[in-house]
Amino acid sequence: MADFENPYARSDPFVQAHFDCLECGGKLWEYAIQRQMVCENCRMLFASQEVFDEQVNK
């Protein structure tokens, strides 16, 4: 069996998104692998597409 190193195992999968929470206005962090965002204040979870759509409609 071939050995390989997973580059994602060493790095933090969360990155700060440039969007505000749809519920409380806090900053969102994106978990890009699962296409989801979580608020650092209220911990609400949103689909990334839902946040993108809301920003477009503003």
Protein backbone atom coordinates (compact mmCIF):
# COMPACT_ATOMS: atom_id res chain seq x y z
CA MET A 1 0.00 0.00 0.00
CA ALA A 2 1.31 3.46 -0.84
CA ASP A 3 2.10 5.86 1.99
CA PHE A 4 1.08 9.48 1.72
CA GLU A 5 0.89 12.46 4.03
CA ASN A 6 -2.40 14.29 4.49
CA PRO A 7 -1.64 18.06 4.44
CA TYR A 8 -4.99 18.82 6.12
CA ALA A 9 -4.09 16.80 9.22
CA ARG A 10 -1.57 19.43 10.33
CA SER A 11 -3.43 22.64 9.58
CA ASP A 12 -6.44 24.32 11.17
CA PRO A 13 -9.45 23.71 8.89
CA PHE A 14 -11.21 26.90 10.01
CA VAL A 15 -10.55 30.26 8.35
CA GLN A 16 -12.12 33.58 9.31
CA ALA A 17 -14.71 34.53 6.72
CA HIS A 18 -15.40 38.11 5.69
CA PHE A 19 -19.07 37.85 6.62
CA ASP A 20 -21.17 38.65 9.66
CA CYS A 21 -23.51 36.20 11.39
CA LEU A 22 -27.07 36.26 10.09
CA GLU A 23 -28.39 35.95 13.68
CA CYS A 24 -26.24 38.11 15.97
CA GLY A 25 -23.82 39.99 13.69
CA GLY A 26 -20.72 38.23 15.06
CA LYS A 27 -17.83 37.14 12.87
CA LEU A 28 -18.17 33.90 10.92
CA TRP A 29 -15.53 31.21 10.58
CA GLU A 30 -15.68 28.94 7.55
CA TYR A 31 -15.07 25.22 7.55
CA ALA A 32 -14.47 25.04 3.81
CA ILE A 33 -14.29 21.26 3.53
CA GLN A 34 -17.91 20.95 4.67
CA ARG A 35 -19.02 24.24 3.10
CA GLN A 36 -20.30 25.55 6.43
CA MET A 37 -19.75 28.64 8.55
CA VAL A 38 -20.00 28.98 12.32
CA CYS A 39 -20.38 32.18 14.36
CA GLU A 40 -17.69 32.86 16.97
CA ASN A 41 -20.29 34.47 19.29
CA CYS A 42 -23.57 32.55 19.17
CA ARG A 43 -22.16 29.33 17.58
CA MET A 44 -24.95 29.18 14.99
CA LEU A 45 -24.07 27.03 11.98
CA PHE A 46 -24.89 28.14 8.44
CA ALA A 47 -24.38 26.66 5.00
CA SER A 48 -21.83 28.80 3.15
CA GLN A 49 -24.21 29.17 0.21
CA GLU A 50 -26.91 30.56 2.54
CA VAL A 51 -24.51 33.26 3.77
CA PHE A 52 -23.38 34.09 0.21
CA ASP A 53 -27.00 34.40 -0.96
CA GLU A 54 -27.87 36.69 1.96
CA GLN A 55 -24.94 38.99 1.15
CA VAL A 56 -26.01 39.23 -2.50
CA ASN A 57 -29.58 40.16 -1.49
CA LYS A 58 -28.45 43.04 0.76
